[in-house]
Amino acid sequence: MPLITTLANASARGYGGLRAAAAPAFDSDFESIATVTVGSGGTTSVSFTSIASTWKHLQIRWIARENTGSVSTPDENIRIRFNSDTGSNYSIHRLNGNGSTVYADGYANQSDVVATGFSGNGATASIYGGGVIDILDYGNTNIYKTIRSLSGVDQNGSGSVWFNSGNWRDTSAITSIELRESTNGFKQYSQFALYGIKG
């Protein structure tokens, strides 16, 4: 007997144990904090400041493209700093796939942490990369801060996907975040949206 018929018969006969589970309310777990859309001429960096300790974690959802230059690869970096710390207090781990090869690396004692995976300005016009950055336990003053990011870009036949992680070796609560492109800044229409995730 088909499963759907079995469930219908069970319901009709009063067996209440077979019920569809309610869908989780994921949207209610995220709260929009701020969104920045890069204007005409581009920008060298984007910042979120005065971040309250209201949430358990933070998430940044972004689309981006390099502002100027001739680089065409889909592997440009977003460099991230917390609380204006420019010291060698960050570590980076990266894993990349492009459809034919796999690449991995890692660095300690860096001056920022990296999310990778959007187009250089020399790529096909109007192609932007996108990704999500999670900043875990950002308000916990007993631990170092961990980030993870998933990002990528399709360039009409070529492209790249990146999974990055890293940490900021400081126990301070994160109250500000600066995002920079490695060399030439972010192009117009790049967008960065900061969300708080409830605990």
C-alpha atoms as a PDB file:
ATOM      1  CA  MET A   1       0.000   0.000   0.000  1.00  0.00           C
ATOM      2  CA  PRO A   2       1.468   3.422  -0.883  1.00  0.00           C
ATOM      3  CA  LEU A   3       2.777   5.404   2.070  1.00  0.00           C
ATOM      4  CA  ILE A   4       0.536   8.393   1.355  1.00  0.00           C
ATOM      5  CA  THR A   5      -2.548   6.142   1.479  1.00  0.00           C
ATOM      6  CA  THR A   6      -1.345   4.555   4.695  1.00  0.00           C
ATOM      7  CA  LEU A   7      -0.904   7.945   6.344  1.00  0.00           C
ATOM      8  CA  ALA A   8      -4.308   9.119   5.142  1.00  0.00           C
ATOM      9  CA  ASN A   9      -6.017   5.974   6.486  1.00  0.00           C
ATOM     10  CA  ALA A  10      -4.203   6.282   9.820  1.00  0.00           C
ATOM     11  CA  SER A  11      -5.346   9.868  10.166  1.00  0.00           C
ATOM     12  CA  ALA A  12      -8.914   8.974   9.253  1.00  0.00           C
ATOM     13  CA  ARG A  13      -8.949   6.273  11.911  1.00  0.00           C
ATOM     14  CA  GLY A  14      -7.784   8.611  14.622  1.00  0.00           C
ATOM     15  CA  TYR A  15      -4.157   7.592  15.002  1.00  0.00           C
ATOM     16  CA  GLY A  16      -2.668  10.936  15.967  1.00  0.00           C
ATOM     17  CA  GLY A  17       0.941   9.783  16.207  1.00  0.00           C
ATOM     18  CA  LEU A  18       1.586  10.210  12.476  1.00  0.00           C
ATOM     19  CA  ARG A  19       1.881  13.951  11.929  1.00  0.00           C
ATOM     20  CA  ALA A  20       4.083  16.059   9.732  1.00  0.00           C
ATOM     21  CA  ALA A  21       6.691  17.961  11.726  1.00  0.00           C
ATOM     22  CA  ALA A  22       6.371  21.715  11.648  1.00  0.00           C
ATOM     23  CA  ALA A  23       8.995  23.471   9.527  1.00  0.00           C
ATOM     24  CA  PRO A  24      11.641  25.203  11.671  1.00  0.00           C
ATOM     25  CA  ALA A  25      11.385  28.994  11.728  1.00  0.00           C
ATOM     26  CA  PHE A  26      14.893  29.722  10.456  1.00  0.00           C
ATOM     27  CA  ASP A  27      14.030  33.285   9.452  1.00  0.00           C
ATOM     28  CA  SER A  28      13.188  34.187  13.040  1.00  0.00           C
ATOM     29  CA  ASP A  29      16.677  33.149  14.176  1.00  0.00           C
ATOM     30  CA  PHE A  30      18.326  35.880  12.084  1.00  0.00           C
ATOM     31  CA  GLU A  31      18.020  39.629  12.642  1.00  0.00           C
ATOM     32  CA  SER A  32      19.221  42.199  10.127  1.00  0.00           C
ATOM     33  CA  ILE A  33      21.708  44.589  11.727  1.00  0.00           C
ATOM     34  CA  ALA A  34      23.002  46.651   8.788  1.00  0.00           C
ATOM     35  CA  THR A  35      23.527  46.490   5.021  1.00  0.00           C
ATOM     36  CA  VAL A  36      26.117  48.381   2.966  1.00  0.00           C
ATOM     37  CA  THR A  37      25.844  48.711  -0.821  1.00  0.00           C
ATOM     38  CA  VAL A  38      28.940  50.150  -2.506  1.00  0.00           C
ATOM     39  CA  GLY A  39      28.204  53.291  -4.491  1.00  0.00           C
ATOM     40  CA  SER A  40      29.608  54.881  -7.630  1.00  0.00           C
ATOM     41  CA  GLY A  41      33.391  54.771  -7.870  1.00  0.00           C
ATOM     42  CA  GLY A  42      33.762  51.834  -5.489  1.00  0.00           C
ATOM     43  CA  THR A  43      35.313  51.822  -2.039  1.00  0.00           C
ATOM     44  CA  THR A  44      38.486  50.578  -0.385  1.00  0.00           C
ATOM     45  CA  SER A  45      36.699  49.091   2.617  1.00  0.00           C
ATOM     46  CA  VAL A  46      33.362  48.482   4.315  1.00  0.00           C
ATOM     47  CA  SER A  47      32.905  48.682   8.084  1.00  0.00           C
ATOM     48  CA  PHE A  48      30.293  47.709  10.640  1.00  0.00           C
ATOM     49  CA  THR A  49      30.718  49.512  13.959  1.00  0.00           C
ATOM     50  CA  SER A  50      29.073  49.704  17.395  1.00  0.00           C
ATOM     51  CA  ILE A  51      27.941  46.071  17.168  1.00  0.00           C
ATOM     52  CA  ALA A  52      25.873  45.214  20.240  1.00  0.00           C
ATOM     53  CA  SER A  53      26.316  41.971  22.182  1.00  0.00           C
ATOM     54  CA  THR A  54      22.665  41.045  21.623  1.00  0.00           C
ATOM     55  CA  TRP A  55      23.190  37.853  19.608  1.00  0.00           C
ATOM     56  CA  LYS A  56      25.065  34.557  19.897  1.00  0.00           C
ATOM     57  CA  HIS A  57      26.820  34.678  16.514  1.00  0.00           C
ATOM     58  CA  LEU A  58      27.167  37.044  13.551  1.00  0.00           C
ATOM     59  CA  GLN A  59      26.812  36.358   9.840  1.00  0.00           C
ATOM     60  CA  ILE A  60      27.823  38.454   6.827  1.00  0.00           C
ATOM     61  CA  ARG A  61      26.199  37.707   3.457  1.00  0.00           C
ATOM     62  CA  TRP A  62      27.967  39.359   0.546  1.00  0.00           C
ATOM     63  CA  ILE A  63      28.355  39.779  -3.201  1.00  0.00           C
ATOM     64  CA  ALA A  64      31.491  41.496  -4.505  1.00  0.00           C
ATOM     65  CA  ARG A  65      33.770  42.299  -7.413  1.00  0.00           C
ATOM     66  CA  GLU A  66      37.197  43.965  -7.525  1.00  0.00           C
ATOM     67  CA  ASN A  67      36.922  47.675  -8.285  1.00  0.00           C
ATOM     68  CA  THR A  68      39.829  48.295 -10.693  1.00  0.00           C
ATOM     69  CA  GLY A  69      42.749  46.450 -12.252  1.00  0.00           C
ATOM     70  CA  SER A  70      43.051  43.667 -14.818  1.00  0.00           C
ATOM     71  CA  VAL A  71      42.990  40.547 -12.629  1.00  0.00           C
ATOM     72  CA  SER A  72      40.536  38.021 -14.093  1.00  0.00           C
ATOM     73  CA  THR A  73      40.801  35.139 -11.623  1.00  0.00           C
ATOM     74  CA  PRO A  74      37.826  34.297  -9.351  1.00  0.00           C
ATOM     75  CA  ASP A  75      40.053  34.175  -6.268  1.00  0.00           C
ATOM     76  CA  GLU A  76      40.141  37.695  -4.895  1.00  0.00           C
ATOM     77  CA  ASN A  77      40.249  38.039  -1.105  1.00  0.00           C
ATOM     78  CA  ILE A  78      38.098  39.828   1.439  1.00  0.00           C
ATOM     79  CA  ARG A  79      40.445  40.717   4.284  1.00  0.00           C
ATOM     80  CA  ILE A  80      38.736  41.019   7.679  1.00  0.00           C
ATOM     81  CA  ARG A  81      39.842  42.818  10.841  1.00  0.00           C
ATOM     82  CA  PHE A  82      38.086  43.005  14.178  1.00  0.00           C
ATOM     83  CA  ASN A  83      38.096  45.978  16.567  1.00  0.00           C
ATOM     84  CA  SER A  84      40.710  47.776  14.410  1.00  0.00           C
ATOM     85  CA  ASP A  85      43.361  45.210  15.394  1.00  0.00           C
ATOM     86  CA  THR A  86      46.214  45.315  12.848  1.00  0.00           C
ATOM     87  CA  GLY A  87      48.592  43.093  14.838  1.00  0.00           C
ATOM     88  CA  SER A  88      49.725  39.600  13.857  1.00  0.00           C
ATOM     89  CA  ASN A  89      46.862  37.985  15.750  1.00  0.00           C
ATOM     90  CA  TYR A  90      44.995  36.132  12.996  1.00  0.00           C
ATOM     91  CA  SER A  91      45.269  32.672  11.430  1.00  0.00           C
ATOM     92  CA  ILE A  92      43.916  31.485   8.059  1.00  0.00           C
ATOM     93  CA  HIS A  93      43.015  28.093   6.547  1.00  0.00           C
ATOM     94  CA  ARG A  94      41.743  27.790   2.953  1.00  0.00           C
ATOM     95  CA  LEU A  95      40.431  24.999   0.712  1.00  0.00           C
ATOM     96  CA  ASN A  96      39.664  25.631  -2.964  1.00  0.00           C
ATOM     97  CA  GLY A  97      38.255  23.692  -5.897  1.00  0.00           C
ATOM     98  CA  ASN A  98      37.839  24.884  -9.492  1.00  0.00           C
ATOM     99  CA  GLY A  99      36.497  21.790 -11.250  1.00  0.00           C
ATOM    100  CA  SER A 100      39.893  20.324 -12.132  1.00  0.00           C
ATOM    101  CA  THR A 101      42.265  20.874  -9.185  1.00  0.00           C
ATOM    102  CA  VAL A 102      42.100  21.195  -5.427  1.00  0.00           C
ATOM    103  CA  TYR A 103      44.215  23.684  -3.499  1.00  0.00           C
ATOM    104  CA  ALA A 104      44.782  24.163   0.230  1.00  0.00           C
ATOM    105  CA  ASP A 105      46.947  26.410   2.371  1.00  0.00           C
ATOM    106  CA  GLY A 106      47.170  27.997   5.782  1.00  0.00           C
ATOM    107  CA  TYR A 107      48.990  30.852   7.478  1.00  0.00           C
ATOM    108  CA  ALA A 108      49.627  31.860  11.078  1.00  0.00           C
ATOM    109  CA  ASN A 109      50.428  35.256  12.592  1.00  0.00           C
ATOM    110  CA  GLN A 110      48.615  37.301   9.957  1.00  0.00           C
ATOM    111  CA  SER A 111      47.376  40.899  10.203  1.00  0.00           C
ATOM    112  CA  ASP A 112      43.860  39.888   9.104  1.00  0.00           C
ATOM    113  CA  VAL A 113      41.723  36.844   8.365  1.00  0.00           C
ATOM    114  CA  VAL A 114      40.544  36.056   4.837  1.00  0.00           C
ATOM    115  CA  ALA A 115      37.363  35.073   3.006  1.00  0.00           C
ATOM    116  CA  THR A 116      38.158  34.211  -0.621  1.00  0.00           C
ATOM    117  CA  GLY A 117      36.184  33.811  -3.800  1.00  0.00           C
ATOM    118  CA  PHE A 118      35.065  36.689  -6.001  1.00  0.00           C
ATOM    119  CA  SER A 119      35.982  38.084  -9.410  1.00  0.00           C
ATOM    120  CA  GLY A 120      38.790  40.397 -10.292  1.00  0.00           C
ATOM    121  CA  ASN A 121      37.881  43.425 -12.386  1.00  0.00           C
ATOM    122  CA  GLY A 122      39.382  41.813 -15.492  1.00  0.00           C
ATOM    123  CA  ALA A 123      36.772  39.032 -15.460  1.00  0.00           C
ATOM    124  CA  THR A 124      33.696  39.021 -17.694  1.00  0.00           C
ATOM    125  CA  ALA A 125      31.725  42.215 -17.090  1.00  0.00           C
ATOM    126  CA  SER A 126      29.129  42.248 -14.326  1.00  0.00           C
ATOM    127  CA  ILE A 127      30.142  38.906 -12.768  1.00  0.00           C
ATOM    128  CA  TYR A 128      30.222  39.109  -8.992  1.00  0.00           C
ATOM    129  CA  GLY A 129      31.162  36.435  -6.474  1.00  0.00           C
ATOM    130  CA  GLY A 130      29.099  35.692  -3.397  1.00  0.00           C
ATOM    131  CA  GLY A 131      29.481  34.105  -0.014  1.00  0.00           C
ATOM    132  CA  VAL A 132      28.572  33.783   3.647  1.00  0.00           C
ATOM    133  CA  ILE A 133      30.870  34.493   6.603  1.00  0.00           C
ATOM    134  CA  ASP A 134      29.995  33.194  10.076  1.00  0.00           C
ATOM    135  CA  ILE A 135      31.625  34.793  13.117  1.00  0.00           C
ATOM    136  CA  LEU A 136      31.087  32.442  16.039  1.00  0.00           C
ATOM    137  CA  ASP A 137      30.621  33.431  19.700  1.00  0.00           C
ATOM    138  CA  TYR A 138      31.643  36.987  18.861  1.00  0.00           C
ATOM    139  CA  GLY A 139      30.640  38.356  22.270  1.00  0.00           C
ATOM    140  CA  ASN A 140      32.239  35.646  24.418  1.00  0.00           C
ATOM    141  CA  THR A 141      35.106  37.204  26.383  1.00  0.00           C
ATOM    142  CA  ASN A 142      36.524  33.839  27.490  1.00  0.00           C
ATOM    143  CA  ILE A 143      37.625  32.509  24.094  1.00  0.00           C
ATOM    144  CA  TYR A 144      39.394  33.456  20.876  1.00  0.00           C
ATOM    145  CA  LYS A 145      37.057  34.166  17.964  1.00  0.00           C
ATOM    146  CA  THR A 146      36.539  31.718  15.085  1.00  0.00           C
ATOM    147  CA  ILE A 147      35.264  32.487  11.585  1.00  0.00           C
ATOM    148  CA  ARG A 148      34.238  30.229   8.716  1.00  0.00           C
ATOM    149  CA  SER A 149      33.261  31.209   5.213  1.00  0.00           C
ATOM    150  CA  LEU A 150      31.857  29.574   2.102  1.00  0.00           C
ATOM    151  CA  SER A 151      32.098  31.477  -1.162  1.00  0.00           C
ATOM    152  CA  GLY A 152      32.494  31.176  -4.890  1.00  0.00           C
ATOM    153  CA  VAL A 153      31.952  32.585  -8.344  1.00  0.00           C
ATOM    154  CA  ASP A 154      30.935  31.274 -11.777  1.00  0.00           C
ATOM    155  CA  GLN A 155      32.620  32.939 -14.765  1.00  0.00           C
ATOM    156  CA  ASN A 156      30.681  31.397 -17.661  1.00  0.00           C
ATOM    157  CA  GLY A 157      32.670  28.176 -17.957  1.00  0.00           C
ATOM    158  CA  SER A 158      35.269  28.686 -15.258  1.00  0.00           C
ATOM    159  CA  GLY A 159      35.013  29.527 -11.611  1.00  0.00           C
ATOM    160  CA  SER A 160      36.049  28.669  -8.112  1.00  0.00           C
ATOM    161  CA  VAL A 161      34.603  27.561  -4.773  1.00  0.00           C
ATOM    162  CA  TRP A 162      36.303  28.293  -1.448  1.00  0.00           C
ATOM    163  CA  PHE A 163      35.876  27.064   2.112  1.00  0.00           C
ATOM    164  CA  ASN A 164      37.883  29.150   4.583  1.00  0.00           C
ATOM    165  CA  SER A 165      38.285  29.206   8.324  1.00  0.00           C
ATOM    166  CA  GLY A 166      40.404  31.213  10.697  1.00  0.00           C
ATOM    167  CA  ASN A 167      40.624  32.823  14.084  1.00  0.00           C
ATOM    168  CA  TRP A 168      41.345  36.061  15.882  1.00  0.00           C
ATOM    169  CA  ARG A 169      43.495  35.393  18.914  1.00  0.00           C
ATOM    170  CA  ASP A 170      41.831  37.880  21.240  1.00  0.00           C
ATOM    171  CA  THR A 171      39.212  37.374  23.944  1.00  0.00           C
ATOM    172  CA  SER A 172      37.605  40.803  23.486  1.00  0.00           C
ATOM    173  CA  ALA A 173      34.003  40.967  22.342  1.00  0.00           C
ATOM    174  CA  ILE A 174      33.834  41.976  18.683  1.00  0.00           C
ATOM    175  CA  THR A 175      32.270  45.423  18.348  1.00  0.00           C
ATOM    176  CA  SER A 176      33.510  46.405  14.880  1.00  0.00           C
ATOM    177  CA  ILE A 177      34.332  44.611  11.632  1.00  0.00           C
ATOM    178  CA  GLU A 178      36.316  46.004   8.695  1.00  0.00           C
ATOM    179  CA  LEU A 179      36.226  44.285   5.283  1.00  0.00           C
ATOM    180  CA  ARG A 180      38.813  45.174   2.629  1.00  0.00           C
ATOM    181  CA  GLU A 181      39.662  43.875  -0.829  1.00  0.00           C
ATOM    182  CA  SER A 182      43.320  42.832  -1.140  1.00  0.00           C
ATOM    183  CA  THR A 183      44.459  45.438  -3.661  1.00  0.00           C
ATOM    184  CA  ASN A 184      41.942  47.678  -5.396  1.00  0.00           C
ATOM    185  CA  GLY A 185      38.802  47.798  -3.273  1.00  0.00           C
ATOM    186  CA  PHE A 186      35.202  46.794  -3.989  1.00  0.00           C
ATOM    187  CA  LYS A 187      33.324  47.726  -7.152  1.00  0.00           C
ATOM    188  CA  GLN A 188      30.000  49.560  -7.260  1.00  0.00           C
ATOM    189  CA  TYR A 189      27.015  47.333  -6.378  1.00  0.00           C
ATOM    190  CA  SER A 190      29.078  45.080  -4.124  1.00  0.00           C
ATOM    191  CA  GLN A 191      26.931  44.503  -1.056  1.00  0.00           C
ATOM    192  CA  PHE A 192      27.532  43.349   2.521  1.00  0.00           C
ATOM    193  CA  ALA A 193      24.713  42.506   4.924  1.00  0.00           C
ATOM    194  CA  LEU A 194      25.368  41.870   8.634  1.00  0.00           C
ATOM    195  CA  TYR A 195      22.991  39.628  10.604  1.00  0.00           C
ATOM    196  CA  GLY A 196      22.780  38.602  14.230  1.00  0.00           C
ATOM    197  CA  ILE A 197      22.045  34.946  14.981  1.00  0.00           C
ATOM    198  CA  LYS A 198      20.114  34.196  18.147  1.00  0.00           C
ATOM    199  CA  GLY A 199      21.465  31.642  20.609  1.00  0.00           C
END
